Amino acid sequence: DACLTGYADRPALCQRSREVRYDETTGRSATELLAGFDTITYARLREDVIAVSNTWQATGIRADDLVAVLGFTSIGYTVVHLACARIGAVFVPLQTSSSSAQLAPIIAETAPRIFAASVESLDTAIDLILDARAVERLVVFDYPESDDEQRERYQSAMARLSDAGRQLDVMSLLDEIDTGKALPESAPDLPADGEYPLATLIYTSGSTGAPKCAMYPADLMTRLWQRPHSPSVDTGFEIPAIHLQYMPLSHVYGLSWLIATLASGGIGYFAAKSDMSTLFEDITLVRPTALNLVPRVCD
């Protein structure tokens, strides 16, 4: 909250601009990437995080409840992550590269009350939710309703829930934000001195057996914010850190870079596509001051 307030007027997060266009030949509407970026400030990010927190607390979500998240890194994903931190819920990011069979043991073990999923990952999310009776609320983010393919994917998911008799609240992230803005601002959950509640669970892929989890208590997550590590920060650059966020937030490396960006008052640009087909174009457009790489990307 100190970061989001202190850097209020600065640009915080940027996502490639998109436009849904109608094709007269096919008779369908599809999303096309544009060269520019849609940007939100730290103040706007804080407003959205508080709004989602308000909505979730009004529906009975409390500290220590678990929230599973499945999707590509984005502004919407970040809002969900920070809302978990604000209300003290346990953030459980899931790997989008894993199958529903690989993720099922994680959902069974954590029993999340909220499942947040991008529309791109909605099919896998429904696979998991059908057998996960603990899930009470499905939040869909990064959903352009006017895109025919995405709308059909959403409608198919809702039909699967209905056919299975699975009843739960289904909301878009935008609706969660709109609802929460009309509610009184709820106070953030702050652990008492000497208490270190669980904040985040980072799971392995399960490729070598059952998925295993690393448990991050609140004090460890706090240290990531207090001492952000990035070449843009550590070398004392006079300009704010400009980072390209393409690493999955289900991995602590990607998560720590996002936190380093926000903790230092920098700007986080999100890659345009989850399959990294636009990565070189993204780098060219963003011109980051530092770039995090893994061996596969280096190759």
Protein backbone atom coordinates (compact mmCIF):
# COMPACT_ATOMS: atom_id res chain seq x y z
CA ASP A 1 0.00 0.00 0.00
CA ALA A 2 2.93 2.35 0.70
CA CYS A 3 4.29 1.71 -2.80
CA LEU A 4 0.95 2.12 -4.55
CA THR A 5 0.29 5.34 -2.63
CA GLY A 6 3.79 6.78 -2.79
CA TYR A 7 4.11 6.33 -6.55
CA ALA A 8 0.46 7.22 -7.16
CA ASP A 9 0.91 9.44 -10.24
CA ARG A 10 3.47 7.24 -12.00
CA PRO A 11 2.57 4.73 -14.71
CA ALA A 12 2.62 1.26 -13.13
CA LEU A 13 1.52 -1.44 -15.54
CA CYS A 14 1.11 -1.53 -19.31
CA GLN A 15 -0.56 -4.01 -21.61
CA ARG A 16 -0.59 -4.11 -25.40
CA SER A 17 -3.56 -2.26 -26.82
CA ARG A 18 -6.14 -4.46 -28.50
CA GLU A 19 -9.08 -3.87 -30.76
CA VAL A 20 -11.91 -6.25 -31.55
CA ARG A 21 -12.63 -6.02 -35.26
CA TYR A 22 -15.42 -7.50 -37.34
CA ASP A 23 -14.40 -9.50 -40.42
CA GLU A 24 -17.05 -9.24 -43.14
CA THR A 25 -15.66 -12.32 -44.89
CA THR A 26 -15.96 -14.67 -41.92
CA GLY A 27 -18.75 -12.81 -40.18
CA ARG A 28 -16.87 -13.02 -36.91
CA SER A 29 -15.21 -10.56 -34.53
CA ALA A 30 -11.66 -11.19 -33.39
CA THR A 31 -9.08 -9.37 -31.29
CA GLU A 32 -6.11 -7.74 -33.03
CA LEU A 33 -2.98 -6.41 -31.35
CA LEU A 34 -2.09 -2.75 -31.82
CA ALA A 35 1.33 -1.13 -31.52
CA GLY A 36 0.48 0.99 -28.47
CA PHE A 37 -0.09 0.19 -24.81
CA ASP A 38 -2.93 0.62 -22.34
CA THR A 39 -1.43 1.99 -19.13
CA ILE A 40 -2.68 2.28 -15.57
CA THR A 41 -1.11 4.35 -12.80
CA TYR A 42 -0.19 3.17 -9.33
CA ALA A 43 -3.24 5.05 -8.02
CA ARG A 44 -5.55 3.21 -10.43
CA LEU A 45 -3.93 -0.11 -9.56
CA ARG A 46 -4.53 0.60 -5.88
CA GLU A 47 -8.19 1.50 -6.55
CA ASP A 48 -8.78 -1.77 -8.40
CA VAL A 49 -7.02 -3.85 -5.73
CA ILE A 50 -9.08 -2.24 -2.97
CA ALA A 51 -12.28 -2.74 -4.98
CA VAL A 52 -11.66 -6.47 -5.45
CA SER A 53 -10.73 -6.78 -1.77
CA ASN A 54 -13.98 -5.07 -0.81
CA THR A 55 -16.03 -7.43 -2.96
CA TRP A 56 -14.35 -10.56 -1.68
CA GLN A 57 -14.61 -9.54 1.96
CA ALA A 58 -18.28 -8.65 1.48
CA THR A 59 -18.88 -12.20 0.19
CA GLY A 60 -17.24 -13.74 3.24
CA ILE A 61 -13.67 -14.32 2.05
CA ARG A 62 -11.29 -13.91 4.97
CA ALA A 63 -7.60 -14.05 5.84
CA ASP A 64 -6.10 -17.52 5.42
CA ASP A 65 -8.64 -18.53 2.76
CA LEU A 66 -6.95 -19.80 -0.38
CA VAL A 67 -7.24 -18.33 -3.88
CA ALA A 68 -6.07 -20.36 -6.88
CA VAL A 69 -5.07 -18.44 -10.02
CA LEU A 70 -4.55 -19.83 -13.51
CA GLY A 71 -3.60 -17.63 -16.44
CA PHE A 72 -0.94 -15.65 -18.24
CA THR A 73 0.71 -12.73 -16.48
CA SER A 74 -1.30 -9.54 -16.96
CA ILE A 75 -2.74 -6.48 -15.23
CA GLY A 76 -5.80 -8.50 -14.20
CA TYR A 77 -3.62 -11.25 -12.76
CA THR A 78 -1.64 -8.65 -10.79
CA VAL A 79 -4.83 -7.16 -9.34
CA VAL A 80 -5.88 -10.60 -8.11
CA HIS A 81 -2.45 -11.25 -6.57
CA LEU A 82 -2.38 -7.92 -4.72
CA ALA A 83 -5.97 -8.33 -3.55
CA CYS A 84 -4.92 -11.61 -1.93
CA ALA A 85 -2.10 -9.79 -0.14
CA ARG A 86 -4.44 -7.03 1.04
CA ILE A 87 -7.01 -9.34 2.66
CA GLY A 88 -4.47 -11.90 3.88
CA ALA A 89 -5.68 -14.66 1.58
CA VAL A 90 -3.19 -17.30 0.47
CA PHE A 91 -2.15 -16.83 -3.16
CA VAL A 92 -1.85 -20.12 -5.07
CA PRO A 93 -0.62 -19.51 -8.64
CA LEU A 94 -0.96 -22.51 -10.96
CA GLN A 95 1.25 -23.37 -13.92
CA THR A 96 -0.53 -22.89 -17.23
CA SER A 97 1.81 -25.42 -18.83
CA SER A 98 0.39 -28.19 -16.63
CA SER A 99 -2.58 -30.34 -17.53
CA SER A 100 -5.72 -30.53 -15.44
CA ALA A 101 -4.61 -34.00 -14.30
CA GLN A 102 -1.34 -32.53 -13.01
CA LEU A 103 -3.11 -29.62 -11.30
CA ALA A 104 -5.89 -31.66 -9.71
CA PRO A 105 -3.78 -32.81 -6.71
CA ILE A 106 -2.94 -29.17 -5.96
CA ILE A 107 -6.60 -28.15 -5.95
CA ALA A 108 -7.47 -31.16 -3.79
CA GLU A 109 -4.70 -30.29 -1.32
CA THR A 110 -5.34 -26.54 -1.08
CA ALA A 111 -9.17 -26.51 -1.40
CA PRO A 112 -9.37 -22.87 -2.59
CA ARG A 113 -12.58 -20.91 -2.04
CA ILE A 114 -11.90 -18.67 -5.07
CA PHE A 115 -10.59 -19.79 -8.44
CA ALA A 116 -9.46 -16.93 -10.73
CA ALA A 117 -8.74 -17.84 -14.34
CA SER A 118 -8.08 -16.05 -17.59
CA VAL A 119 -10.54 -16.87 -20.34
CA GLU A 120 -7.61 -18.46 -22.20
CA SER A 121 -7.23 -21.00 -19.36
CA LEU A 122 -10.93 -21.39 -18.65
CA ASP A 123 -11.29 -24.93 -20.06
CA THR A 124 -8.65 -26.25 -17.68
CA ALA A 125 -10.16 -24.29 -14.81
CA ILE A 126 -13.56 -25.89 -15.39
CA ASP A 127 -11.96 -29.35 -15.48
CA LEU A 128 -10.64 -28.67 -11.99
CA ILE A 129 -13.69 -26.89 -10.55
CA LEU A 130 -16.14 -29.66 -11.48
CA ASP A 131 -14.57 -31.91 -8.85
CA ALA A 132 -13.50 -29.17 -6.43
CA ARG A 133 -16.46 -28.59 -4.15
CA ALA A 134 -14.52 -26.11 -2.00
CA VAL A 135 -14.50 -23.56 -4.85
CA GLU A 136 -17.35 -21.11 -4.28
CA ARG A 137 -16.45 -18.37 -6.73
CA LEU A 138 -14.99 -18.33 -10.24
CA VAL A 139 -13.45 -15.02 -11.33
CA VAL A 140 -12.68 -14.65 -15.04
CA PHE A 141 -10.07 -12.08 -16.10
CA ASP A 142 -8.65 -10.95 -19.44
CA TYR A 143 -12.00 -11.64 -21.11
CA PRO A 144 -12.90 -9.49 -24.15
CA GLU A 145 -16.60 -10.33 -24.39
CA SER A 146 -16.97 -8.90 -27.89
CA ASP A 147 -14.41 -11.39 -29.28
CA ASP A 148 -16.48 -14.26 -30.76
CA GLU A 149 -13.96 -17.01 -29.98
CA GLN A 150 -13.47 -15.88 -26.39
CA ARG A 151 -17.21 -15.44 -25.82
CA GLU A 152 -17.86 -18.95 -27.17
CA ARG A 153 -15.18 -20.33 -24.87
CA TYR A 154 -16.82 -18.61 -21.92
CA GLN A 155 -20.32 -19.82 -22.89
CA SER A 156 -19.03 -23.37 -23.34
CA ALA A 157 -17.50 -23.25 -19.86
CA MET A 158 -20.76 -22.03 -18.34
CA ALA A 159 -22.65 -24.80 -20.15
CA ARG A 160 -20.30 -27.41 -18.72
CA LEU A 161 -20.92 -26.11 -15.20
CA SER A 162 -24.67 -26.12 -15.76
CA ASP A 163 -24.74 -29.61 -17.29
CA ALA A 164 -22.78 -30.95 -14.33
CA GLY A 165 -25.11 -29.24 -11.85
CA ARG A 166 -22.16 -27.35 -10.41
CA GLN A 167 -23.43 -24.18 -8.78
CA LEU A 168 -21.08 -21.37 -7.85
CA ASP A 169 -20.77 -17.62 -8.32
CA VAL A 170 -19.20 -16.73 -11.67
CA MET A 171 -18.00 -13.16 -12.07
CA SER A 172 -15.72 -11.26 -14.40
CA LEU A 173 -12.88 -9.36 -12.75
CA LEU A 174 -14.34 -6.12 -14.14
CA ASP A 175 -17.63 -6.86 -12.36
CA GLU A 176 -15.74 -7.58 -9.13
CA ILE A 177 -14.06 -4.17 -9.44
CA ASP A 178 -17.31 -2.33 -10.24
CA THR A 179 -19.08 -3.96 -7.29
CA GLY A 180 -16.25 -3.21 -4.89
CA LYS A 181 -16.02 0.46 -5.84
CA ALA A 182 -19.54 0.97 -4.51
CA LEU A 183 -18.66 -0.56 -1.12
CA PRO A 184 -16.95 1.09 1.86
CA GLU A 185 -13.18 0.64 1.80
CA SER A 186 -12.21 -2.33 3.93
CA ALA A 187 -9.10 -2.27 6.09
CA PRO A 188 -6.13 -4.39 4.98
CA ASP A 189 -5.30 -7.49 6.99
CA LEU A 190 -2.11 -6.91 8.97
CA PRO A 191 -0.45 -9.79 10.87
CA ALA A 192 0.25 -9.13 14.52
CA ASP A 193 3.87 -8.68 15.55
CA GLY A 194 5.59 -12.03 15.74
CA GLU A 195 2.99 -13.79 13.59
CA TYR A 196 3.97 -15.11 10.17
CA PRO A 197 0.85 -16.38 8.40
CA LEU A 198 1.08 -18.23 5.13
CA ALA A 199 0.96 -15.85 2.15
CA THR A 200 1.88 -17.78 -1.02
CA LEU A 201 2.21 -21.37 -2.19
CA ILE A 202 4.47 -22.04 -5.18
CA TYR A 203 4.05 -25.54 -6.63
CA THR A 204 6.28 -27.57 -8.91
CA SER A 205 4.86 -28.89 -12.17
CA GLY A 206 4.51 -32.44 -10.91
CA SER A 207 6.44 -33.81 -13.87
CA THR A 208 8.46 -36.07 -11.56
CA GLY A 209 5.61 -37.17 -9.31
CA ALA A 210 3.03 -35.40 -7.18
CA PRO A 211 3.42 -31.58 -7.26
CA LYS A 212 5.46 -30.28 -4.35
CA CYS A 213 5.00 -26.90 -2.78
CA ALA A 214 7.20 -24.17 -1.32
CA MET A 215 5.48 -22.23 1.47
CA TYR A 216 6.12 -18.48 1.61
CA PRO A 217 5.03 -16.81 4.87
CA ALA A 218 4.03 -13.16 4.94
CA ASP A 219 7.37 -11.96 6.31
CA LEU A 220 9.26 -13.54 3.41
CA MET A 221 6.92 -11.96 0.85
CA THR A 222 7.32 -8.65 2.67
CA ARG A 223 11.09 -8.80 2.28
CA LEU A 224 10.66 -9.11 -1.49
CA TRP A 225 8.93 -5.72 -1.40
CA GLN A 226 11.35 -4.12 1.05
CA ARG A 227 14.51 -5.16 -0.81
CA PRO A 228 13.63 -5.47 -4.50
CA HIS A 229 16.38 -6.95 -6.64
CA SER A 230 16.78 -5.86 -10.24
CA PRO A 231 19.74 -4.55 -12.23
CA SER A 232 17.69 -1.40 -12.87
CA VAL A 233 17.41 -0.86 -9.12
CA ASP A 234 20.71 -2.22 -7.83
CA THR A 235 22.90 -0.15 -10.18
CA GLY A 236 21.29 3.12 -9.17
CA PHE A 237 19.85 4.08 -12.56
CA GLU A 238 18.37 7.58 -12.46
CA ILE A 239 15.37 6.51 -14.54
CA PRO A 240 12.65 4.23 -13.13
CA ALA A 241 13.01 0.52 -13.82
CA ILE A 242 11.33 -0.54 -17.07
CA HIS A 243 10.70 -4.27 -17.06
CA LEU A 244 9.08 -6.68 -19.51
CA GLN A 245 6.93 -9.18 -17.63
CA TYR A 246 6.68 -12.44 -19.52
CA MET A 247 7.75 -14.99 -16.91
CA PRO A 248 4.84 -16.87 -15.31
CA LEU A 249 3.76 -15.66 -11.88
CA SER A 250 3.49 -19.30 -10.83
CA HIS A 251 7.30 -19.18 -10.54
CA VAL A 252 8.98 -17.11 -7.83
CA TYR A 253 11.39 -15.64 -10.42
CA GLY A 254 8.57 -14.07 -12.41
CA LEU A 255 6.74 -13.02 -9.25
CA SER A 256 9.81 -11.39 -7.70
CA TRP A 257 10.46 -9.36 -10.87
CA LEU A 258 6.92 -8.03 -10.83
CA ILE A 259 7.29 -7.10 -7.16
CA ALA A 260 10.68 -5.47 -7.83
CA THR A 261 9.07 -3.36 -10.54
CA LEU A 262 6.28 -2.08 -8.31
CA ALA A 263 8.41 -1.72 -5.18
CA SER A 264 10.86 0.54 -7.02
CA GLY A 265 8.23 2.71 -8.70
CA GLY A 266 9.04 1.25 -12.10
CA ILE A 267 6.89 0.36 -15.09
CA GLY A 268 5.90 -3.22 -15.85
CA TYR A 269 5.01 -4.07 -19.45
CA PHE A 270 3.30 -7.40 -20.06
CA ALA A 271 4.16 -9.57 -23.05
CA ALA A 272 1.36 -9.61 -25.61
CA LYS A 273 0.93 -13.37 -25.97
CA SER A 274 1.39 -16.31 -23.64
CA ASP A 275 3.12 -18.45 -26.27
CA MET A 276 5.94 -15.85 -26.47
CA SER A 277 5.47 -15.56 -30.23
CA THR A 278 5.62 -11.77 -29.80
CA LEU A 279 8.58 -11.70 -27.39
CA PHE A 280 11.10 -10.02 -29.72
CA GLU A 281 8.46 -7.52 -30.80
CA ASP A 282 7.62 -6.90 -27.14
CA ILE A 283 11.28 -6.23 -26.31
CA THR A 284 11.58 -3.81 -29.24
CA LEU A 285 8.48 -1.86 -28.20
CA VAL A 286 9.19 -1.81 -24.46
CA ARG A 287 12.97 -1.12 -24.54
CA PRO A 288 13.44 -2.44 -20.98
CA THR A 289 16.23 -1.15 -18.73
CA ALA A 290 16.75 -4.72 -17.50
CA LEU A 291 15.67 -8.08 -18.87
CA ASN A 292 15.28 -11.32 -16.96
CA LEU A 293 16.18 -14.40 -18.96
CA VAL A 294 16.01 -18.14 -18.52
CA PRO A 295 18.09 -20.64 -20.57
CA ARG A 296 15.23 -21.52 -22.96
CA VAL A 297 14.69 -17.87 -23.82
CA CYS A 298 18.45 -17.27 -24.18
CA ASP A 299 18.60 -20.09 -26.73
